[in-house]
C-alpha atoms as a PDB file:
ATOM      1  CA  UNK A   1     112.239 115.561 124.533  1.00  0.00           C
ATOM      2  CA  UNK A   2     110.101 117.918 122.413  1.00  0.00           C
ATOM      3  CA  UNK A   3     112.575 117.333 119.309  1.00  0.00           C
ATOM      4  CA  UNK A   4     112.677 113.716 119.922  1.00  0.00           C
ATOM      5  CA  UNK A   5     108.771 113.383 119.775  1.00  0.00           C
ATOM      6  CA  UNK A   6     108.508 115.397 116.557  1.00  0.00           C
ATOM      7  CA  UNK A   7     111.229 112.948 114.587  1.00  0.00           C
ATOM      8  CA  UNK A   8     109.303 110.245 115.854  1.00  0.00           C
ATOM      9  CA  UNK A   9     106.042 111.425 114.071  1.00  0.00           C
ATOM     10  CA  UNK A  10     108.048 112.434 110.978  1.00  0.00           C
ATOM     11  CA  UNK A  11     109.116 108.595 111.219  1.00  0.00           C
ATOM     12  CA  UNK A  12     105.267 107.250 111.604  1.00  0.00           C
ATOM     13  CA  UNK A  13     104.202 109.426 108.768  1.00  0.00           C
ATOM     14  CA  UNK A  14     107.205 108.022 106.371  1.00  0.00           C
ATOM     15  CA  UNK A  15     106.362 104.717 107.527  1.00  0.00           C
ATOM     16  CA  UNK A  16     102.458 104.932 106.790  1.00  0.00           C
ATOM     17  CA  UNK A  17     103.188 106.562 103.223  1.00  0.00           C
ATOM     18  CA  UNK A  18     105.609 103.693 102.652  1.00  0.00           C
ATOM     19  CA  UNK A  19     103.082 101.085 103.609  1.00  0.00           C
ATOM     20  CA  UNK A  20     100.674 102.679 101.764  1.00  0.00           C
ATOM     21  CA  UNK A  21     102.876 102.671  98.459  1.00  0.00           C
ATOM     22  CA  UNK A  22     103.730  98.865  98.955  1.00  0.00           C
ATOM     23  CA  UNK A  23      99.997  97.720  99.704  1.00  0.00           C
ATOM     24  CA  UNK A  24      98.076 100.050  97.263  1.00  0.00           C
ATOM     25  CA  UNK A  25      99.839 101.729  94.565  1.00  0.00           C
ATOM     26  CA  UNK A  26     102.769  99.561  93.511  1.00  0.00           C
ATOM     27  CA  UNK A  27     100.232  96.649  93.109  1.00  0.00           C
ATOM     28  CA  UNK A  28      98.040  98.734  90.892  1.00  0.00           C
ATOM     29  CA  UNK A  29     100.767  99.959  88.499  1.00  0.00           C
ATOM     30  CA  UNK A  30     102.004  96.366  88.189  1.00  0.00           C
ATOM     31  CA  UNK A  31      98.375  95.501  87.227  1.00  0.00           C
ATOM     32  CA  UNK A  32      98.206  98.139  84.488  1.00  0.00           C
ATOM     33  CA  UNK A  33     101.705  97.295  83.111  1.00  0.00           C
ATOM     34  CA  UNK A  34     100.382  93.870  82.737  1.00  0.00           C
ATOM     35  CA  UNK A  35      97.155  94.879  81.144  1.00  0.00           C
ATOM     36  CA  UNK A  36      98.800  97.001  78.667  1.00  0.00           C
ATOM     37  CA  UNK A  37     101.398  94.406  77.857  1.00  0.00           C
ATOM     38  CA  UNK A  38      98.408  91.797  76.986  1.00  0.00           C
ATOM     39  CA  UNK A  39      96.876  94.712  75.033  1.00  0.00           C
ATOM     40  CA  UNK A  40      99.843  95.206  72.903  1.00  0.00           C
ATOM     41  CA  UNK A  41     100.224  91.654  72.336  1.00  0.00           C
ATOM     42  CA  UNK A  42      97.056  91.143  70.960  1.00  0.00           C
ATOM     43  CA  UNK A  43      97.167  89.423  67.438  1.00  0.00           C
ATOM     44  CA  UNK A  44      94.799  88.408  64.772  1.00  0.00           C
ATOM     45  CA  UNK A  45      92.942  85.332  65.486  1.00  0.00           C
ATOM     46  CA  UNK A  46      92.794  85.745  69.275  1.00  0.00           C
ATOM     47  CA  UNK A  47      89.911  85.492  71.231  1.00  0.00           C
ATOM     48  CA  UNK A  48      88.719  88.308  73.349  1.00  0.00           C
ATOM     49  CA  UNK A  49      86.429  89.529  76.057  1.00  0.00           C
ATOM     50  CA  UNK A  50      85.825  93.274  76.338  1.00  0.00           C
ATOM     51  CA  UNK A  51      85.149  95.157  79.322  1.00  0.00           C
ATOM     52  CA  UNK A  52      81.575  94.900  78.349  1.00  0.00           C
ATOM     53  CA  UNK A  53      81.681  91.201  78.530  1.00  0.00           C
ATOM     54  CA  UNK A  54      81.249  90.893  74.584  1.00  0.00           C
ATOM     55  CA  UNK A  55      83.179  87.784  73.269  1.00  0.00           C
ATOM     56  CA  UNK A  56      84.898  88.059  69.960  1.00  0.00           C
ATOM     57  CA  UNK A  57      87.947  86.904  67.756  1.00  0.00           C
ATOM     58  CA  UNK A  58      90.077  89.749  66.413  1.00  0.00           C
ATOM     59  CA  UNK A  59      89.695  90.320  62.779  1.00  0.00           C
ATOM     60  CA  UNK A  60      91.987  93.161  62.306  1.00  0.00           C
ATOM     61  CA  UNK A  61      93.916  95.588  64.547  1.00  0.00           C
ATOM     62  CA  UNK A  62      94.521  99.441  64.013  1.00  0.00           C
ATOM     63  CA  UNK A  63      96.645 101.789  66.160  1.00  0.00           C
ATOM     64  CA  UNK A  64      93.848 102.204  68.713  1.00  0.00           C
ATOM     65  CA  UNK A  65      91.063 100.208  67.604  1.00  0.00           C
ATOM     66  CA  UNK A  66      90.508  96.311  67.122  1.00  0.00           C
ATOM     67  CA  UNK A  67      87.764  94.937  64.766  1.00  0.00           C
ATOM     68  CA  UNK A  68      86.245  91.759  66.361  1.00  0.00           C
ATOM     69  CA  UNK A  69      83.918  89.053  64.879  1.00  0.00           C
ATOM     70  CA  UNK A  70      81.378  88.142  67.360  1.00  0.00           C
ATOM     71  CA  UNK A  71      79.518  84.911  67.567  1.00  0.00           C
ATOM     72  CA  UNK A  72      78.695  82.358  64.765  1.00  0.00           C
ATOM     73  CA  UNK A  73      76.745  85.079  62.782  1.00  0.00           C
ATOM     74  CA  UNK A  74      80.093  86.726  61.958  1.00  0.00           C
ATOM     75  CA  UNK A  75      78.927  90.240  62.887  1.00  0.00           C
ATOM     76  CA  UNK A  76      81.978  92.681  63.065  1.00  0.00           C
ATOM     77  CA  UNK A  77      82.220  95.188  65.623  1.00  0.00           C
ATOM     78  CA  UNK A  78      85.021  97.757  65.957  1.00  0.00           C
ATOM     79  CA  UNK A  79      86.022  98.689  69.587  1.00  0.00           C
ATOM     80  CA  UNK A  80      89.017 100.637  71.289  1.00  0.00           C
ATOM     81  CA  UNK A  81      91.939  98.718  72.362  1.00  0.00           C
ATOM     82  CA  UNK A  82      91.725  99.629  76.074  1.00  0.00           C
ATOM     83  CA  UNK A  83      88.162  98.204  75.989  1.00  0.00           C
ATOM     84  CA  UNK A  84      89.763  94.695  75.989  1.00  0.00           C
ATOM     85  CA  UNK A  85      89.503  93.004  79.117  1.00  0.00           C
ATOM     86  CA  UNK A  86      90.938  89.432  78.724  1.00  0.00           C
ATOM     87  CA  UNK A  87      92.697  87.795  75.834  1.00  0.00           C
ATOM     88  CA  UNK A  88      91.441  84.154  76.244  1.00  0.00           C
ATOM     89  CA  UNK A  89      93.755  82.781  73.428  1.00  0.00           C
ATOM     90  CA  UNK A  90      96.875  83.696  76.142  1.00  0.00           C
ATOM     91  CA  UNK A  91      94.708  81.626  78.870  1.00  0.00           C
ATOM     92  CA  UNK A  92      93.765  78.897  76.413  1.00  0.00           C
ATOM     93  CA  UNK A  93      97.451  77.927  75.962  1.00  0.00           C
ATOM     94  CA  UNK A  94      97.862  77.458  79.855  1.00  0.00           C
ATOM     95  CA  UNK A  95      94.417  75.539  79.691  1.00  0.00           C
ATOM     96  CA  UNK A  96      95.942  73.236  76.925  1.00  0.00           C
ATOM     97  CA  UNK A  97      98.691  72.179  79.028  1.00  0.00           C
ATOM     98  CA  UNK A  98      96.400  70.789  81.508  1.00  0.00           C
ATOM     99  CA  UNK A  99      94.162  68.973  78.706  1.00  0.00           C
ATOM    100  CA  UNK A 100      91.260  71.389  78.543  1.00  0.00           C
ATOM    101  CA  UNK A 101      90.211  73.430  75.752  1.00  0.00           C
ATOM    102  CA  UNK A 102      88.371  76.831  75.637  1.00  0.00           C
ATOM    103  CA  UNK A 103      86.513  78.079  72.725  1.00  0.00           C
ATOM    104  CA  UNK A 104      83.348  79.999  72.259  1.00  0.00           C
ATOM    105  CA  UNK A 105      83.163  79.568  68.393  1.00  0.00           C
ATOM    106  CA  UNK A 106      82.123  76.474  66.776  1.00  0.00           C
ATOM    107  CA  UNK A 107      84.550  74.643  64.711  1.00  0.00           C
END
């Protein structure tokens, strides 16, 4: 009986680790992959939001940095690529399908 009890405890530990992997680690890795894919697909002209809440339109892209134009006064700011939180242009295409348009620049 002592041997079967230790096997049961090992099975419980393996089950707990598997549950933690599928509940915590796997979704986080999936989210990181999606964010990296979004950052890699940024193009000149896209409208972005940074992790600091700054809105802007992409003016130029280098390896690890992006120059954005923020607001109507055309001030340019250089930011790191990892600091991009959202690409509103990607979301805008989905919103356009529903007849809604999102833009923070005056045209």
